[in-house]
PDB file of N, CA and C in Angstrom:
ATOM      1  N   UNK A   1     -32.465 -14.293   1.703  1.00  0.00           N
ATOM      2  CA  UNK A   1     -31.805 -15.692   2.012  1.00  0.00           C
ATOM      3  C   UNK A   1     -31.999 -16.142   3.319  1.00  0.00           C
ATOM      4  N   UNK A   2     -32.402 -17.385   3.561  1.00  0.00           N
ATOM      5  CA  UNK A   2     -32.224 -18.081   4.834  1.00  0.00           C
ATOM      6  C   UNK A   2     -30.883 -18.277   5.171  1.00  0.00           C
ATOM      7  N   UNK A   3     -30.637 -18.065   6.475  1.00  0.00           N
ATOM      8  CA  UNK A   3     -29.436 -18.216   6.979  1.00  0.00           C
ATOM      9  C   UNK A   3     -29.313 -19.147   8.477  1.00  0.00           C
ATOM     10  N   UNK A   4     -28.204 -20.025   8.095  1.00  0.00           N
ATOM     11  CA  UNK A   4     -28.199 -21.034   9.117  1.00  0.00           C
ATOM     12  C   UNK A   4     -28.170 -20.545  10.705  1.00  0.00           C
ATOM     13  N   UNK A   5     -28.550 -21.181  11.613  1.00  0.00           N
ATOM     14  CA  UNK A   5     -28.145 -20.719  13.161  1.00  0.00           C
ATOM     15  C   UNK A   5     -26.767 -20.711  13.555  1.00  0.00           C
ATOM     16  N   UNK A   6     -26.436 -19.708  14.172  1.00  0.00           N
ATOM     17  CA  UNK A   6     -25.154 -19.771  14.664  1.00  0.00           C
ATOM     18  C   UNK A   6     -24.434 -20.982  15.166  1.00  0.00           C
ATOM     19  N   UNK A   7     -25.150 -21.552  15.994  1.00  0.00           N
ATOM     20  CA  UNK A   7     -24.906 -22.918  16.541  1.00  0.00           C
ATOM     21  C   UNK A   7     -24.721 -24.035  15.530  1.00  0.00           C
ATOM     22  N   UNK A   8     -25.514 -23.917  14.562  1.00  0.00           N
ATOM     23  CA  UNK A   8     -25.066 -25.056  13.489  1.00  0.00           C
ATOM     24  C   UNK A   8     -23.867 -24.679  12.890  1.00  0.00           C
ATOM     25  N   UNK A   9     -23.796 -23.382  12.435  1.00  0.00           N
ATOM     26  CA  UNK A   9     -22.588 -23.235  11.832  1.00  0.00           C
ATOM     27  C   UNK A   9     -21.266 -23.413  12.440  1.00  0.00           C
ATOM     28  N   UNK A  10     -21.514 -22.919  13.672  1.00  0.00           N
ATOM     29  CA  UNK A  10     -20.124 -23.351  14.583  1.00  0.00           C
ATOM     30  C   UNK A  10     -19.863 -24.760  14.748  1.00  0.00           C
ATOM     31  N   UNK A  11     -20.880 -25.719  14.982  1.00  0.00           N
ATOM     32  CA  UNK A  11     -20.855 -27.131  14.829  1.00  0.00           C
ATOM     33  C   UNK A  11     -20.383 -27.801  13.592  1.00  0.00           C
ATOM     34  N   UNK A  12     -20.703 -27.129  12.228  1.00  0.00           N
ATOM     35  CA  UNK A  12     -20.369 -27.591  10.970  1.00  0.00           C
ATOM     36  C   UNK A  12     -18.733 -27.119  10.976  1.00  0.00           C
ATOM     37  N   UNK A  13     -18.479 -26.080  11.467  1.00  0.00           N
ATOM     38  CA  UNK A  13     -16.931 -25.566  11.316  1.00  0.00           C
ATOM     39  C   UNK A  13     -16.184 -26.488  12.178  1.00  0.00           C
ATOM     40  N   UNK A  14     -16.637 -26.916  13.454  1.00  0.00           N
ATOM     41  CA  UNK A  14     -15.665 -27.619  14.485  1.00  0.00           C
ATOM     42  C   UNK A  14     -15.501 -28.960  13.491  1.00  0.00           C
ATOM     43  N   UNK A  15     -16.862 -29.706  13.162  1.00  0.00           N
ATOM     44  CA  UNK A  15     -16.472 -31.030  12.625  1.00  0.00           C
ATOM     45  C   UNK A  15     -15.661 -30.820  11.332  1.00  0.00           C
ATOM     46  N   UNK A  16     -15.665 -30.067  10.689  1.00  0.00           N
ATOM     47  CA  UNK A  16     -14.822 -29.619   9.521  1.00  0.00           C
ATOM     48  C   UNK A  16     -13.428 -29.685   9.899  1.00  0.00           C
ATOM     49  N   UNK A  17     -13.189 -29.061  10.848  1.00  0.00           N
ATOM     50  CA  UNK A  17     -11.886 -28.970  11.329  1.00  0.00           C
ATOM     51  C   UNK A  17     -11.432 -30.312  11.939  1.00  0.00           C
ATOM     52  N   UNK A  18     -12.081 -30.845  12.505  1.00  0.00           N
ATOM     53  CA  UNK A  18     -11.797 -32.247  13.200  1.00  0.00           C
ATOM     54  C   UNK A  18     -11.580 -33.080  12.145  1.00  0.00           C
ATOM     55  N   UNK A  19     -12.322 -33.268  11.135  1.00  0.00           N
ATOM     56  CA  UNK A  19     -12.165 -34.221   9.974  1.00  0.00           C
ATOM     57  C   UNK A  19     -10.993 -33.875   9.128  1.00  0.00           C
ATOM     58  N   UNK A  20     -10.761 -32.458   9.015  1.00  0.00           N
ATOM     59  CA  UNK A  20      -9.606 -32.016   8.298  1.00  0.00           C
ATOM     60  C   UNK A  20      -8.254 -32.446   8.921  1.00  0.00           C
ATOM     61  N   UNK A  21      -8.103 -32.557  10.382  1.00  0.00           N
ATOM     62  CA  UNK A  21      -7.266 -32.905  11.105  1.00  0.00           C
ATOM     63  C   UNK A  21      -6.957 -34.377  11.006  1.00  0.00           C
ATOM     64  N   UNK A  22      -7.968 -35.211  10.719  1.00  0.00           N
ATOM     65  CA  UNK A  22      -7.826 -36.586  10.686  1.00  0.00           C
ATOM     66  C   UNK A  22      -7.707 -37.052   9.310  1.00  0.00           C
ATOM     67  N   UNK A  23      -7.663 -36.060   8.159  1.00  0.00           N
ATOM     68  CA  UNK A  23      -7.604 -36.642   6.942  1.00  0.00           C
ATOM     69  C   UNK A  23      -6.481 -37.265   6.471  1.00  0.00           C
ATOM     70  N   UNK A  24      -5.302 -37.220   7.097  1.00  0.00           N
ATOM     71  CA  UNK A  24      -4.014 -37.882   6.981  1.00  0.00           C
ATOM     72  C   UNK A  24      -4.143 -39.275   7.036  1.00  0.00           C
ATOM     73  N   UNK A  25      -4.948 -39.582   8.223  1.00  0.00           N
ATOM     74  CA  UNK A  25      -5.068 -40.772   8.686  1.00  0.00           C
ATOM     75  C   UNK A  25      -5.593 -41.855   7.785  1.00  0.00           C
ATOM     76  N   UNK A  26      -6.496 -40.993   6.879  1.00  0.00           N
ATOM     77  CA  UNK A  26      -7.119 -42.026   5.866  1.00  0.00           C
ATOM     78  C   UNK A  26      -8.366 -42.592   6.321  1.00  0.00           C
ATOM     79  N   UNK A  27      -8.881 -43.591   5.515  1.00  0.00           N
ATOM     80  CA  UNK A  27     -10.083 -44.277   5.820  1.00  0.00           C
ATOM     81  C   UNK A  27     -11.293 -43.764   5.336  1.00  0.00           C
ATOM     82  N   UNK A  28     -12.209 -44.597   4.875  1.00  0.00           N
ATOM     83  CA  UNK A  28     -13.592 -44.231   4.006  1.00  0.00           C
ATOM     84  C   UNK A  28     -14.259 -43.155   4.865  1.00  0.00           C
ATOM     85  N   UNK A  29     -14.521 -43.409   6.245  1.00  0.00           N
ATOM     86  CA  UNK A  29     -15.351 -42.876   7.176  1.00  0.00           C
ATOM     87  C   UNK A  29     -14.826 -41.188   7.171  1.00  0.00           C
ATOM     88  N   UNK A  30     -13.626 -40.839   7.153  1.00  0.00           N
ATOM     89  CA  UNK A  30     -13.199 -39.721   7.447  1.00  0.00           C
ATOM     90  C   UNK A  30     -13.537 -38.835   5.935  1.00  0.00           C
ATOM     91  N   UNK A  31     -13.201 -39.707   4.873  1.00  0.00           N
ATOM     92  CA  UNK A  31     -13.477 -39.058   3.469  1.00  0.00           C
ATOM     93  C   UNK A  31     -14.828 -38.771   3.218  1.00  0.00           C
ATOM     94  N   UNK A  32     -15.698 -39.720   3.577  1.00  0.00           N
ATOM     95  CA  UNK A  32     -17.247 -39.679   3.544  1.00  0.00           C
ATOM     96  C   UNK A  32     -17.647 -38.459   4.569  1.00  0.00           C
ATOM     97  N   UNK A  33     -17.020 -38.312   5.668  1.00  0.00           N
ATOM     98  CA  UNK A  33     -17.592 -37.250   6.631  1.00  0.00           C
ATOM     99  C   UNK A  33     -17.181 -35.744   6.135  1.00  0.00           C
ATOM    100  N   UNK A  34     -16.072 -35.781   5.345  1.00  0.00           N
ATOM    101  CA  UNK A  34     -15.268 -34.655   4.751  1.00  0.00           C
ATOM    102  C   UNK A  34     -16.318 -34.119   3.481  1.00  0.00           C
ATOM    103  N   UNK A  35     -16.922 -35.066   2.921  1.00  0.00           N
ATOM    104  CA  UNK A  35     -17.845 -35.051   1.526  1.00  0.00           C
ATOM    105  C   UNK A  35     -19.221 -34.222   2.411  1.00  0.00           C
ATOM    106  N   UNK A  36     -19.686 -35.027   3.362  1.00  0.00           N
ATOM    107  CA  UNK A  36     -20.957 -34.644   4.135  1.00  0.00           C
ATOM    108  C   UNK A  36     -20.842 -33.191   4.583  1.00  0.00           C
ATOM    109  N   UNK A  37     -19.809 -33.124   5.536  1.00  0.00           N
ATOM    110  CA  UNK A  37     -19.795 -31.683   6.146  1.00  0.00           C
ATOM    111  C   UNK A  37     -19.620 -30.486   5.255  1.00  0.00           C
ATOM    112  N   UNK A  38     -18.808 -30.800   4.067  1.00  0.00           N
ATOM    113  CA  UNK A  38     -18.380 -29.835   3.007  1.00  0.00           C
ATOM    114  C   UNK A  38     -19.727 -29.613   2.414  1.00  0.00           C
ATOM    115  N   UNK A  39     -20.666 -30.557   2.201  1.00  0.00           N
ATOM    116  CA  UNK A  39     -21.922 -30.320   1.216  1.00  0.00           C
ATOM    117  C   UNK A  39     -22.839 -29.137   1.995  1.00  0.00           C
ATOM    118  N   UNK A  40     -22.876 -30.017   3.232  1.00  0.00           N
ATOM    119  CA  UNK A  40     -23.792 -29.155   4.247  1.00  0.00           C
ATOM    120  C   UNK A  40     -23.282 -27.652   4.569  1.00  0.00           C
ATOM    121  N   UNK A  41     -21.990 -27.568   4.615  1.00  0.00           N
ATOM    122  CA  UNK A  41     -21.585 -26.048   4.900  1.00  0.00           C
ATOM    123  C   UNK A  41     -21.956 -25.239   3.528  1.00  0.00           C
ATOM    124  N   UNK A  42     -21.791 -25.971   2.579  1.00  0.00           N
ATOM    125  CA  UNK A  42     -22.303 -25.220   1.151  1.00  0.00           C
ATOM    126  C   UNK A  42     -23.704 -24.858   0.990  1.00  0.00           C
ATOM    127  N   UNK A  43     -24.433 -25.896   1.376  1.00  0.00           N
ATOM    128  CA  UNK A  43     -25.959 -25.440   1.292  1.00  0.00           C
ATOM    129  C   UNK A  43     -26.327 -24.396   2.430  1.00  0.00           C
ATOM    130  N   UNK A  44     -25.601 -24.590   3.583  1.00  0.00           N
ATOM    131  CA  UNK A  44     -26.185 -23.620   4.732  1.00  0.00           C
ATOM    132  C   UNK A  44     -25.761 -22.295   4.243  1.00  0.00           C
ATOM    133  N   UNK A  45     -24.679 -22.145   3.575  1.00  0.00           N
ATOM    134  CA  UNK A  45     -24.105 -20.690   3.170  1.00  0.00           C
ATOM    135  C   UNK A  45     -24.309 -20.270   1.701  1.00  0.00           C
ATOM    136  N   UNK A  46     -25.064 -21.033   0.889  1.00  0.00           N
ATOM    137  CA  UNK A  46     -25.398 -20.570  -0.188  1.00  0.00           C
ATOM    138  C   UNK A  46     -24.293 -20.706  -1.182  1.00  0.00           C
ATOM    139  N   UNK A  47     -23.159 -21.377  -1.167  1.00  0.00           N
ATOM    140  CA  UNK A  47     -22.165 -21.494  -1.791  1.00  0.00           C
ATOM    141  C   UNK A  47     -22.111 -22.707  -2.612  1.00  0.00           C
ATOM    142  N   UNK A  48     -20.722 -22.833  -3.323  1.00  0.00           N
ATOM    143  CA  UNK A  48     -20.802 -23.990  -4.375  1.00  0.00           C
ATOM    144  C   UNK A  48     -19.424 -24.685  -4.097  1.00  0.00           C
ATOM    145  N   UNK A  49     -18.433 -24.111  -3.124  1.00  0.00           N
ATOM    146  CA  UNK A  49     -17.321 -24.630  -3.053  1.00  0.00           C
ATOM    147  C   UNK A  49     -16.653 -24.287  -1.464  1.00  0.00           C
ATOM    148  N   UNK A  50     -16.070 -25.464  -1.000  1.00  0.00           N
ATOM    149  CA  UNK A  50     -16.049 -25.197   0.134  1.00  0.00           C
ATOM    150  C   UNK A  50     -15.154 -23.912   0.885  1.00  0.00           C
ATOM    151  N   UNK A  51     -14.256 -23.759   0.055  1.00  0.00           N
ATOM    152  CA  UNK A  51     -13.360 -22.518   0.341  1.00  0.00           C
ATOM    153  C   UNK A  51     -14.326 -21.178   0.706  1.00  0.00           C
ATOM    154  N   UNK A  52     -15.330 -20.764  -0.426  1.00  0.00           N
ATOM    155  CA  UNK A  52     -16.255 -20.171  -0.111  1.00  0.00           C
ATOM    156  C   UNK A  52     -17.278 -20.224   0.881  1.00  0.00           C
ATOM    157  N   UNK A  53     -17.319 -21.561   1.258  1.00  0.00           N
ATOM    158  CA  UNK A  53     -18.483 -21.758   2.248  1.00  0.00           C
ATOM    159  C   UNK A  53     -17.842 -21.453   3.708  1.00  0.00           C
ATOM    160  N   UNK A  54     -16.490 -21.720   3.878  1.00  0.00           N
ATOM    161  CA  UNK A  54     -15.578 -21.537   5.174  1.00  0.00           C
ATOM    162  C   UNK A  54     -15.666 -20.057   5.298  1.00  0.00           C
ATOM    163  N   UNK A  55     -15.333 -19.514   4.362  1.00  0.00           N
ATOM    164  CA  UNK A  55     -15.536 -17.870   4.180  1.00  0.00           C
ATOM    165  C   UNK A  55     -16.769 -17.272   4.721  1.00  0.00           C
ATOM    166  N   UNK A  56     -17.911 -17.704   4.166  1.00  0.00           N
ATOM    167  CA  UNK A  56     -19.295 -17.168   4.480  1.00  0.00           C
ATOM    168  C   UNK A  56     -19.549 -17.642   5.701  1.00  0.00           C
ATOM    169  N   UNK A  57     -19.159 -18.658   6.228  1.00  0.00           N
ATOM    170  CA  UNK A  57     -19.623 -19.106   7.482  1.00  0.00           C
ATOM    171  C   UNK A  57     -19.284 -18.476   8.637  1.00  0.00           C
ATOM    172  N   UNK A  58     -17.868 -18.374   8.451  1.00  0.00           N
ATOM    173  CA  UNK A  58     -17.254 -17.458   9.464  1.00  0.00           C
ATOM    174  C   UNK A  58     -17.606 -16.003   9.479  1.00  0.00           C
ATOM    175  N   UNK A  59     -17.754 -15.545   8.278  1.00  0.00           N
ATOM    176  CA  UNK A  59     -18.522 -14.254   8.359  1.00  0.00           C
ATOM    177  C   UNK A  59     -19.556 -14.181   8.900  1.00  0.00           C
ATOM    178  N   UNK A  60     -20.495 -14.924   8.761  1.00  0.00           N
ATOM    179  CA  UNK A  60     -21.927 -14.793   9.565  1.00  0.00           C
ATOM    180  C   UNK A  60     -21.839 -14.993  10.945  1.00  0.00           C
ATOM    181  N   UNK A  61     -20.774 -15.809  11.377  1.00  0.00           N
ATOM    182  CA  UNK A  61     -20.542 -15.817  13.003  1.00  0.00           C
ATOM    183  C   UNK A  61     -20.087 -14.384  13.521  1.00  0.00           C
ATOM    184  N   UNK A  62     -19.151 -13.972  12.427  1.00  0.00           N
ATOM    185  CA  UNK A  62     -18.517 -12.704  13.103  1.00  0.00           C
ATOM    186  C   UNK A  62     -19.535 -11.615  13.326  1.00  0.00           C
ATOM    187  N   UNK A  63     -20.521 -11.579  12.329  1.00  0.00           N
ATOM    188  CA  UNK A  63     -21.327 -10.587  12.599  1.00  0.00           C
ATOM    189  C   UNK A  63     -22.167 -10.104  14.054  1.00  0.00           C
ATOM    190  N   UNK A  64     -22.122  -9.082  14.518  1.00  0.00           N
ATOM    191  CA  UNK A  64     -23.119  -8.809  15.708  1.00  0.00           C
ATOM    192  C   UNK A  64     -24.287  -9.402  15.572  1.00  0.00           C
ATOM    193  N   UNK A  65     -24.873 -10.108  16.839  1.00  0.00           N
ATOM    194  CA  UNK A  65     -26.101 -10.354  16.942  1.00  0.00           C
ATOM    195  C   UNK A  65     -27.182  -9.740  16.473  1.00  0.00           C
ATOM    196  N   UNK A  66     -27.158  -8.356  16.505  1.00  0.00           N
ATOM    197  CA  UNK A  66     -28.131  -7.474  16.215  1.00  0.00           C
ATOM    198  C   UNK A  66     -28.526  -7.548  14.729  1.00  0.00           C
ATOM    199  N   UNK A  67     -27.354  -7.809  13.962  1.00  0.00           N
ATOM    200  CA  UNK A  67     -27.462  -8.172  12.449  1.00  0.00           C
ATOM    201  C   UNK A  67     -27.851  -9.528  11.791  1.00  0.00           C
ATOM    202  N   UNK A  68     -28.316 -10.262  12.786  1.00  0.00           N
ATOM    203  CA  UNK A  68     -28.605 -11.521  12.343  1.00  0.00           C
ATOM    204  C   UNK A  68     -30.050 -11.639  12.130  1.00  0.00           C
ATOM    205  N   UNK A  69     -30.603 -12.598  11.914  1.00  0.00           N
ATOM    206  CA  UNK A  69     -32.014 -12.914  11.798  1.00  0.00           C
ATOM    207  C   UNK A  69     -32.404 -13.558  12.973  1.00  0.00           C
ATOM    208  N   UNK A  70     -32.739 -12.548  14.007  1.00  0.00           N
ATOM    209  CA  UNK A  70     -33.251 -12.901  15.247  1.00  0.00           C
ATOM    210  C   UNK A  70     -34.548 -12.555  15.548  1.00  0.00           C
ATOM    211  N   UNK A  71     -35.416 -13.192  16.501  1.00  0.00           N
ATOM    212  CA  UNK A  71     -36.847 -12.719  16.580  1.00  0.00           C
ATOM    213  C   UNK A  71     -36.676 -11.452  17.311  1.00  0.00           C
ATOM    214  N   UNK A  72     -37.999 -10.646  16.892  1.00  0.00           N
ATOM    215  CA  UNK A  72     -37.993  -9.545  17.606  1.00  0.00           C
ATOM    216  C   UNK A  72     -39.166  -9.544  18.628  1.00  0.00           C
ATOM    217  N   UNK A  73     -38.434  -8.792  19.798  1.00  0.00           N
ATOM    218  CA  UNK A  73     -39.361  -9.194  20.854  1.00  0.00           C
ATOM    219  C   UNK A  73     -40.868  -8.276  20.948  1.00  0.00           C
ATOM    220  N   UNK A  74     -42.076  -8.976  21.109  1.00  0.00           N
ATOM    221  CA  UNK A  74     -43.130  -8.411  21.160  1.00  0.00           C
ATOM    222  C   UNK A  74     -43.806  -7.622  22.200  1.00  0.00           C
ATOM    223  N   UNK A  75     -42.843  -7.831  23.297  1.00  0.00           N
ATOM    224  CA  UNK A  75     -43.261  -7.048  24.673  1.00  0.00           C
ATOM    225  C   UNK A  75     -43.164  -5.766  24.475  1.00  0.00           C
ATOM    226  N   UNK A  76     -44.109  -5.003  25.397  1.00  0.00           N
ATOM    227  CA  UNK A  76     -44.141  -3.608  25.218  1.00  0.00           C
ATOM    228  C   UNK A  76     -43.638  -3.012  26.402  1.00  0.00           C
ATOM    229  N   UNK A  77     -42.826  -2.045  26.137  1.00  0.00           N
ATOM    230  CA  UNK A  77     -42.273  -1.498  27.549  1.00  0.00           C
ATOM    231  C   UNK A  77     -43.232  -0.698  28.520  1.00  0.00           C
ATOM    232  N   UNK A  78     -42.862  -0.883  29.774  1.00  0.00           N
ATOM    233  CA  UNK A  78     -43.941  -0.323  30.763  1.00  0.00           C
ATOM    234  C   UNK A  78     -43.894   1.192  30.945  1.00  0.00           C
TER     235      UNK A  78
END
């Protein structure tokens, strides 16, 4: 499975929390933003519900960098 870059997940989580804090203020922009970021989080985490997407994104960010899909160095030690 493809995994989103950690910086992307961090930004999506930040945006989600920001919009959630503004949700009580109403407005179509906030509601539309919540829909967009929720959808994107679900796509990035391979889930169908925002609650599962939030858990999956946070879990992916908690994993050590060695466990992520990072490029392998092609240099040869001297």
